[in-house]
Amino acid sequence: MDEMETLDFQGWHFLCSGEQLPSGAFQATVRYKAPPCNDIRTLVLGPERFDTAQQALGRAKELAMKWANERAGDGRGDA
């Protein structure tokens, strides 16, 4: 079963998830809501594989915060 949570961080609205792969392992996935119409766009598909959805979800949150920290400014990547 997949795990998903929203994360608001530095003006970004992320959808973080631990998604189950066909192998049964889980992958960290980060998406965001792109303004102005809140279209969902995929930012990061983590390369690691995890035993549980919760572990992958935790990693997805870390990846989202890292991604945002690399893009200081107005929260839209215009640093």
PDB file of N, CA and C in Angstrom:
ATOM      1  N   MET A   1       0.830  -1.183   0.000  1.00  0.00           N
ATOM      2  CA  MET A   1       0.000   0.000   0.000  1.00  0.00           C
ATOM      3  C   MET A   1       0.878   1.251   0.000  1.00  0.00           C
ATOM      4  N   ASP A   2       0.542   2.226  -0.826  1.00  0.00           N
ATOM      5  CA  ASP A   2       1.282   3.480  -0.902  1.00  0.00           C
ATOM      6  C   ASP A   2       0.949   4.365   0.299  1.00  0.00           C
ATOM      7  N   GLU A   3       1.918   5.205   0.679  1.00  0.00           N
ATOM      8  CA  GLU A   3       1.719   6.223   1.718  1.00  0.00           C
ATOM      9  C   GLU A   3       1.917   7.577   1.056  1.00  0.00           C
ATOM     10  N   MET A   4       1.072   8.566   1.401  1.00  0.00           N
ATOM     11  CA  MET A   4       1.205   9.892   0.812  1.00  0.00           C
ATOM     12  C   MET A   4       0.876  10.956   1.853  1.00  0.00           C
ATOM     13  N   GLU A   5       1.648  12.053   1.816  1.00  0.00           N
ATOM     14  CA  GLU A   5       1.390  13.200   2.680  1.00  0.00           C
ATOM     15  C   GLU A   5       1.709  14.471   1.918  1.00  0.00           C
ATOM     16  N   THR A   6       1.030  15.544   2.283  1.00  0.00           N
ATOM     17  CA  THR A   6       1.383  16.848   1.729  1.00  0.00           C
ATOM     18  C   THR A   6       2.418  17.485   2.639  1.00  0.00           C
ATOM     19  N   LEU A   7       3.259  18.309   2.064  1.00  0.00           N
ATOM     20  CA  LEU A   7       4.298  19.013   2.805  1.00  0.00           C
ATOM     21  C   LEU A   7       4.406  20.416   2.226  1.00  0.00           C
ATOM     22  N   ASP A   8       4.120  21.427   3.056  1.00  0.00           N
ATOM     23  CA  ASP A   8       4.305  22.819   2.658  1.00  0.00           C
ATOM     24  C   ASP A   8       5.635  23.274   3.234  1.00  0.00           C
ATOM     25  N   PHE A   9       6.531  23.704   2.359  1.00  0.00           N
ATOM     26  CA  PHE A   9       7.884  24.053   2.789  1.00  0.00           C
ATOM     27  C   PHE A   9       8.422  25.157   1.893  1.00  0.00           C
ATOM     28  N   GLN A  10       8.785  26.289   2.489  1.00  0.00           N
ATOM     29  CA  GLN A  10       9.375  27.429   1.789  1.00  0.00           C
ATOM     30  C   GLN A  10       8.567  27.870   0.562  1.00  0.00           C
ATOM     31  N   GLY A  11       7.259  27.884   0.698  1.00  0.00           N
ATOM     32  CA  GLY A  11       6.399  28.354  -0.386  1.00  0.00           C
ATOM     33  C   GLY A  11       6.029  27.301  -1.415  1.00  0.00           C
ATOM     34  N   TRP A  12       6.575  26.106  -1.283  1.00  0.00           N
ATOM     35  CA  TRP A  12       6.253  25.002  -2.188  1.00  0.00           C
ATOM     36  C   TRP A  12       5.192  24.133  -1.551  1.00  0.00           C
ATOM     37  N   HIS A  13       4.354  23.532  -2.364  1.00  0.00           N
ATOM     38  CA  HIS A  13       3.314  22.625  -1.893  1.00  0.00           C
ATOM     39  C   HIS A  13       3.601  21.250  -2.503  1.00  0.00           C
ATOM     40  N   PHE A  14       4.274  20.419  -1.713  1.00  0.00           N
ATOM     41  CA  PHE A  14       4.706  19.111  -2.189  1.00  0.00           C
ATOM     42  C   PHE A  14       3.700  18.011  -1.869  1.00  0.00           C
ATOM     43  N   LEU A  15       3.682  17.003  -2.698  1.00  0.00           N
ATOM     44  CA  LEU A  15       2.991  15.751  -2.426  1.00  0.00           C
ATOM     45  C   LEU A  15       4.095  14.696  -2.364  1.00  0.00           C
ATOM     46  N   CYS A  16       4.347  14.192  -1.167  1.00  0.00           N
ATOM     47  CA  CYS A  16       5.406  13.208  -0.951  1.00  0.00           C
ATOM     48  C   CYS A  16       4.765  11.842  -0.784  1.00  0.00           C
ATOM     49  N   SER A  17       5.399  10.836  -1.375  1.00  0.00           N
ATOM     50  CA  SER A  17       4.817   9.501  -1.240  1.00  0.00           C
ATOM     51  C   SER A  17       5.878   8.419  -1.250  1.00  0.00           C
ATOM     52  N   GLY A  18       5.488   7.299  -0.672  1.00  0.00           N
ATOM     53  CA  GLY A  18       6.239   6.057  -0.763  1.00  0.00           C
ATOM     54  C   GLY A  18       5.387   5.130  -1.610  1.00  0.00           C
ATOM     55  N   GLU A  19       5.804   4.902  -2.829  1.00  0.00           N
ATOM     56  CA  GLU A  19       4.975   4.160  -3.785  1.00  0.00           C
ATOM     57  C   GLU A  19       5.536   2.759  -4.016  1.00  0.00           C
ATOM     58  N   GLN A  20       4.635   1.803  -3.985  1.00  0.00           N
ATOM     59  CA  GLN A  20       5.052   0.422  -4.176  1.00  0.00           C
ATOM     60  C   GLN A  20       5.342   0.135  -5.643  1.00  0.00           C
ATOM     61  N   LEU A  21       6.478  -0.491  -5.860  1.00  0.00           N
ATOM     62  CA  LEU A  21       6.911  -0.886  -7.204  1.00  0.00           C
ATOM     63  C   LEU A  21       6.456  -2.319  -7.479  1.00  0.00           C
ATOM     64  N   PRO A  22       6.471  -2.736  -8.731  1.00  0.00           N
ATOM     65  CA  PRO A  22       6.075  -4.117  -9.048  1.00  0.00           C
ATOM     66  C   PRO A  22       6.894  -5.175  -8.294  1.00  0.00           C
ATOM     67  N   SER A  23       8.127  -4.832  -7.938  1.00  0.00           N
ATOM     68  CA  SER A  23       8.986  -5.765  -7.201  1.00  0.00           C
ATOM     69  C   SER A  23       8.538  -5.964  -5.760  1.00  0.00           C
ATOM     70  N   GLY A  24       7.667  -5.056  -5.276  1.00  0.00           N
ATOM     71  CA  GLY A  24       7.230  -5.104  -3.882  1.00  0.00           C
ATOM     72  C   GLY A  24       7.964  -4.105  -3.011  1.00  0.00           C
ATOM     73  N   ALA A  25       9.097  -3.581  -3.481  1.00  0.00           N
ATOM     74  CA  ALA A  25       9.831  -2.545  -2.758  1.00  0.00           C
ATOM     75  C   ALA A  25       9.104  -1.211  -2.931  1.00  0.00           C
ATOM     76  N   PHE A  26       9.541  -0.211  -2.170  1.00  0.00           N
ATOM     77  CA  PHE A  26       8.914   1.110  -2.216  1.00  0.00           C
ATOM     78  C   PHE A  26       9.919   2.160  -2.657  1.00  0.00           C
ATOM     79  N   GLN A  27       9.424   3.165  -3.377  1.00  0.00           N
ATOM     80  CA  GLN A  27      10.237   4.245  -3.915  1.00  0.00           C
ATOM     81  C   GLN A  27       9.735   5.577  -3.379  1.00  0.00           C
ATOM     82  N   ALA A  28      10.674   6.462  -3.034  1.00  0.00           N
ATOM     83  CA  ALA A  28      10.332   7.819  -2.615  1.00  0.00           C
ATOM     84  C   ALA A  28      10.008   8.651  -3.851  1.00  0.00           C
ATOM     85  N   THR A  29       8.856   9.329  -3.819  1.00  0.00           N
ATOM     86  CA  THR A  29       8.422  10.145  -4.945  1.00  0.00           C
ATOM     87  C   THR A  29       8.000  11.515  -4.436  1.00  0.00           C
ATOM     88  N   VAL A  30       8.442  12.565  -5.146  1.00  0.00           N
ATOM     89  CA  VAL A  30       8.089  13.937  -4.778  1.00  0.00           C
ATOM     90  C   VAL A  30       7.422  14.595  -5.977  1.00  0.00           C
ATOM     91  N   ARG A  31       6.235  15.136  -5.729  1.00  0.00           N
ATOM     92  CA  ARG A  31       5.514  15.910  -6.729  1.00  0.00           C
ATOM     93  C   ARG A  31       5.182  17.261  -6.104  1.00  0.00           C
ATOM     94  N   TYR A  32       4.799  18.230  -6.938  1.00  0.00           N
ATOM     95  CA  TYR A  32       4.353  19.500  -6.387  1.00  0.00           C
ATOM     96  C   TYR A  32       3.178  20.037  -7.175  1.00  0.00           C
ATOM     97  N   LYS A  33       2.489  20.972  -6.533  1.00  0.00           N
ATOM     98  CA  LYS A  33       1.354  21.632  -7.171  1.00  0.00           C
ATOM     99  C   LYS A  33       1.874  22.893  -7.844  1.00  0.00           C
ATOM    100  N   ALA A  34       1.859  22.900  -9.166  1.00  0.00           N
ATOM    101  CA  ALA A  34       2.396  24.023  -9.938  1.00  0.00           C
ATOM    102  C   ALA A  34       1.334  25.101 -10.108  1.00  0.00           C
ATOM    103  N   PRO A  35       1.674  26.321  -9.694  1.00  0.00           N
ATOM    104  CA  PRO A  35       0.738  27.413  -9.887  1.00  0.00           C
ATOM    105  C   PRO A  35       0.629  27.771 -11.375  1.00  0.00           C
ATOM    106  N   PRO A  36      -0.373  28.419 -11.820  1.00  0.00           N
ATOM    107  CA  PRO A  36      -1.489  28.939 -11.046  1.00  0.00           C
ATOM    108  C   PRO A  36      -2.645  27.949 -10.899  1.00  0.00           C
ATOM    109  N   CYS A  37      -2.673  26.868 -11.658  1.00  0.00           N
ATOM    110  CA  CYS A  37      -3.835  25.964 -11.591  1.00  0.00           C
ATOM    111  C   CYS A  37      -3.604  24.714 -10.753  1.00  0.00           C
ATOM    112  N   ASN A  38      -2.485  24.662 -10.045  1.00  0.00           N
ATOM    113  CA  ASN A  38      -2.185  23.522  -9.171  1.00  0.00           C
ATOM    114  C   ASN A  38      -2.080  22.191  -9.908  1.00  0.00           C
ATOM    115  N   ASP A  39      -1.576  22.232 -11.148  1.00  0.00           N
ATOM    116  CA  ASP A  39      -1.283  20.983 -11.858  1.00  0.00           C
ATOM    117  C   ASP A  39      -0.234  20.223 -11.064  1.00  0.00           C
ATOM    118  N   ILE A  40      -0.328  18.913 -11.023  1.00  0.00           N
ATOM    119  CA  ILE A  40       0.626  18.083 -10.292  1.00  0.00           C
ATOM    120  C   ILE A  40       1.776  17.711 -11.220  1.00  0.00           C
ATOM    121  N   ARG A  41       3.001  18.001 -10.774  1.00  0.00           N
ATOM    122  CA  ARG A  41       4.197  17.694 -11.564  1.00  0.00           C
ATOM    123  C   ARG A  41       5.163  16.867 -10.728  1.00  0.00           C
ATOM    124  N   THR A  42       5.772  15.881 -11.334  1.00  0.00           N
ATOM    125  CA  THR A  42       6.753  15.047 -10.642  1.00  0.00           C
ATOM    126  C   THR A  42       8.105  15.749 -10.652  1.00  0.00           C
ATOM    127  N   LEU A  43       8.722  15.852  -9.462  1.00  0.00           N
ATOM    128  CA  LEU A  43      10.037  16.473  -9.330  1.00  0.00           C
ATOM    129  C   LEU A  43      11.146  15.442  -9.159  1.00  0.00           C
ATOM    130  N   VAL A  44      10.919  14.481  -8.273  1.00  0.00           N
ATOM    131  CA  VAL A  44      11.979  13.536  -7.910  1.00  0.00           C
ATOM    132  C   VAL A  44      11.409  12.135  -7.785  1.00  0.00           C
ATOM    133  N   LEU A  45      12.099  11.196  -8.405  1.00  0.00           N
ATOM    134  CA  LEU A  45      11.864   9.774  -8.159  1.00  0.00           C
ATOM    135  C   LEU A  45      13.145   9.260  -7.523  1.00  0.00           C
ATOM    136  N   GLY A  46      13.093   8.989  -6.220  1.00  0.00           N
ATOM    137  CA  GLY A  46      14.296   8.571  -5.518  1.00  0.00           C
ATOM    138  C   GLY A  46      14.849   7.260  -6.059  1.00  0.00           C
ATOM    139  N   PRO A  47      16.175   7.151  -6.166  1.00  0.00           N
ATOM    140  CA  PRO A  47      16.786   5.939  -6.708  1.00  0.00           C
ATOM    141  C   PRO A  47      16.808   4.764  -5.732  1.00  0.00           C
ATOM    142  N   GLU A  48      16.702   5.077  -4.432  1.00  0.00           N
ATOM    143  CA  GLU A  48      16.766   4.013  -3.426  1.00  0.00           C
ATOM    144  C   GLU A  48      15.472   3.212  -3.393  1.00  0.00           C
ATOM    145  N   ARG A  49      15.588   1.983  -2.905  1.00  0.00           N
ATOM    146  CA  ARG A  49      14.418   1.120  -2.694  1.00  0.00           C
ATOM    147  C   ARG A  49      14.310   0.846  -1.198  1.00  0.00           C
ATOM    148  N   PHE A  50      13.074   0.842  -0.694  1.00  0.00           N
ATOM    149  CA  PHE A  50      12.834   0.675   0.736  1.00  0.00           C
ATOM    150  C   PHE A  50      11.915  -0.512   0.979  1.00  0.00           C
ATOM    151  N   ASP A  51      12.017  -1.062   2.188  1.00  0.00           N
ATOM    152  CA  ASP A  51      11.190  -2.205   2.559  1.00  0.00           C
ATOM    153  C   ASP A  51       9.757  -1.813   2.896  1.00  0.00           C
ATOM    154  N   THR A  52       9.573  -0.564   3.357  1.00  0.00           N
ATOM    155  CA  THR A  52       8.227  -0.132   3.743  1.00  0.00           C
ATOM    156  C   THR A  52       7.881   1.197   3.084  1.00  0.00           C
ATOM    157  N   ALA A  53       6.587   1.435   2.937  1.00  0.00           N
ATOM    158  CA  ALA A  53       6.105   2.696   2.384  1.00  0.00           C
ATOM    159  C   ALA A  53       6.469   3.848   3.299  1.00  0.00           C
ATOM    160  N   GLN A  54       6.442   3.621   4.608  1.00  0.00           N
ATOM    161  CA  GLN A  54       6.751   4.678   5.576  1.00  0.00           C
ATOM    162  C   GLN A  54       8.206   5.137   5.453  1.00  0.00           C
ATOM    163  N   GLN A  55       9.127   4.203   5.234  1.00  0.00           N
ATOM    164  CA  GLN A  55      10.532   4.572   5.038  1.00  0.00           C
ATOM    165  C   GLN A  55      10.688   5.408   3.767  1.00  0.00           C
ATOM    166  N   ALA A  56      10.045   4.991   2.701  1.00  0.00           N
ATOM    167  CA  ALA A  56      10.123   5.723   1.433  1.00  0.00           C
ATOM    168  C   ALA A  56       9.487   7.104   1.567  1.00  0.00           C
ATOM    169  N   LEU A  57       8.387   7.214   2.299  1.00  0.00           N
ATOM    170  CA  LEU A  57       7.737   8.497   2.528  1.00  0.00           C
ATOM    171  C   LEU A  57       8.664   9.443   3.283  1.00  0.00           C
ATOM    172  N   GLY A  58       9.337   8.936   4.316  1.00  0.00           N
ATOM    173  CA  GLY A  58      10.287   9.760   5.061  1.00  0.00           C
ATOM    174  C   GLY A  58      11.389  10.290   4.152  1.00  0.00           C
ATOM    175  N   ARG A  59      11.881   9.448   3.279  1.00  0.00           N
ATOM    176  CA  ARG A  59      12.926   9.871   2.343  1.00  0.00           C
ATOM    177  C   ARG A  59      12.385  10.893   1.344  1.00  0.00           C
ATOM    178  N   ALA A  60      11.152  10.712   0.905  1.00  0.00           N
ATOM    179  CA  ALA A  60      10.542  11.667  -0.024  1.00  0.00           C
ATOM    180  C   ALA A  60      10.463  13.053   0.605  1.00  0.00           C
ATOM    181  N   LYS A  61      10.120  13.141   1.874  1.00  0.00           N
ATOM    182  CA  LYS A  61      10.072  14.435   2.563  1.00  0.00           C
ATOM    183  C   LYS A  61      11.455  15.070   2.613  1.00  0.00           C
ATOM    184  N   GLU A  62      12.476  14.256   2.897  1.00  0.00           N
ATOM    185  CA  GLU A  62      13.849  14.771   2.900  1.00  0.00           C
ATOM    186  C   GLU A  62      14.234  15.306   1.525  1.00  0.00           C
ATOM    187  N   LEU A  63      13.889  14.557   0.482  1.00  0.00           N
ATOM    188  CA  LEU A  63      14.212  14.972  -0.884  1.00  0.00           C
ATOM    189  C   LEU A  63      13.486  16.265  -1.259  1.00  0.00           C
ATOM    190  N   ALA A  64      12.236  16.411  -0.827  1.00  0.00           N
ATOM    191  CA  ALA A  64      11.472  17.627  -1.112  1.00  0.00           C
ATOM    192  C   ALA A  64      12.121  18.841  -0.459  1.00  0.00           C
ATOM    193  N   MET A  65      12.512  18.710   0.808  1.00  0.00           N
ATOM    194  CA  MET A  65      13.136  19.829   1.511  1.00  0.00           C
ATOM    195  C   MET A  65      14.492  20.167   0.901  1.00  0.00           C
ATOM    196  N   LYS A  66      15.246  19.160   0.513  1.00  0.00           N
ATOM    197  CA  LYS A  66      16.542  19.388  -0.145  1.00  0.00           C
ATOM    198  C   LYS A  66      16.326  20.134  -1.462  1.00  0.00           C
ATOM    199  N   TRP A  67      15.345  19.704  -2.235  1.00  0.00           N
ATOM    200  CA  TRP A  67      15.042  20.329  -3.515  1.00  0.00           C
ATOM    201  C   TRP A  67      14.701  21.808  -3.309  1.00  0.00           C
ATOM    202  N   ALA A  68      13.847  22.092  -2.325  1.00  0.00           N
ATOM    203  CA  ALA A  68      13.442  23.477  -2.057  1.00  0.00           C
ATOM    204  C   ALA A  68      14.625  24.312  -1.563  1.00  0.00           C
ATOM    205  N   ASN A  69      15.460  23.733  -0.698  1.00  0.00           N
ATOM    206  CA  ASN A  69      16.612  24.468  -0.181  1.00  0.00           C
ATOM    207  C   ASN A  69      17.597  24.843  -1.276  1.00  0.00           C
ATOM    208  N   GLU A  70      17.646  24.058  -2.321  1.00  0.00           N
ATOM    209  CA  GLU A  70      18.526  24.347  -3.455  1.00  0.00           C
ATOM    210  C   GLU A  70      17.971  25.472  -4.334  1.00  0.00           C
ATOM    211  N   ARG A  71      16.728  25.863  -4.069  1.00  0.00           N
ATOM    212  CA  ARG A  71      16.066  26.895  -4.866  1.00  0.00           C
ATOM    213  C   ARG A  71      15.539  27.995  -3.966  1.00  0.00           C
ATOM    214  N   ALA A  72      16.441  28.757  -3.392  1.00  0.00           N
ATOM    215  CA  ALA A  72      16.035  29.861  -2.531  1.00  0.00           C
ATOM    216  C   ALA A  72      15.297  30.901  -3.372  1.00  0.00           C
ATOM    217  N   GLY A  73      14.584  31.780  -2.719  1.00  0.00           N
ATOM    218  CA  GLY A  73      13.900  32.839  -3.458  1.00  0.00           C
ATOM    219  C   GLY A  73      12.423  32.834  -3.144  1.00  0.00           C
ATOM    220  N   ASP A  74      11.626  32.963  -4.173  1.00  0.00           N
ATOM    221  CA  ASP A  74      10.193  33.172  -3.950  1.00  0.00           C
ATOM    222  C   ASP A  74       9.397  31.865  -3.915  1.00  0.00           C
ATOM    223  N   GLY A  75      10.056  30.725  -3.829  1.00  0.00           N
ATOM    224  CA  GLY A  75       9.319  29.470  -3.776  1.00  0.00           C
ATOM    225  C   GLY A  75       8.918  28.955  -5.144  1.00  0.00           C
ATOM    226  N   ARG A  76       9.415  29.542  -6.177  1.00  0.00           N
ATOM    227  CA  ARG A  76       9.078  29.103  -7.521  1.00  0.00           C
ATOM    228  C   ARG A  76      10.314  28.756  -8.329  1.00  0.00           C
ATOM    229  N   GLY A  77      11.448  28.708  -7.657  1.00  0.00           N
ATOM    230  CA  GLY A  77      12.677  28.339  -8.336  1.00  0.00           C
ATOM    231  C   GLY A  77      13.398  29.509  -8.997  1.00  0.00           C
ATOM    232  N   ASP A  78      12.986  30.736  -8.683  1.00  0.00           N
ATOM    233  CA  ASP A  78      13.572  31.918  -9.325  1.00  0.00           C
ATOM    234  C   ASP A  78      14.634  32.562  -8.430  1.00  0.00           C
ATOM    235  N   ALA A  79      15.546  31.797  -7.925  1.00  0.00           N
ATOM    236  CA  ALA A  79      16.556  32.356  -7.007  1.00  0.00           C
ATOM    237  C   ALA A  79      17.476  33.308  -7.727  1.00  0.00           C
TER     238      ALA A  79
END
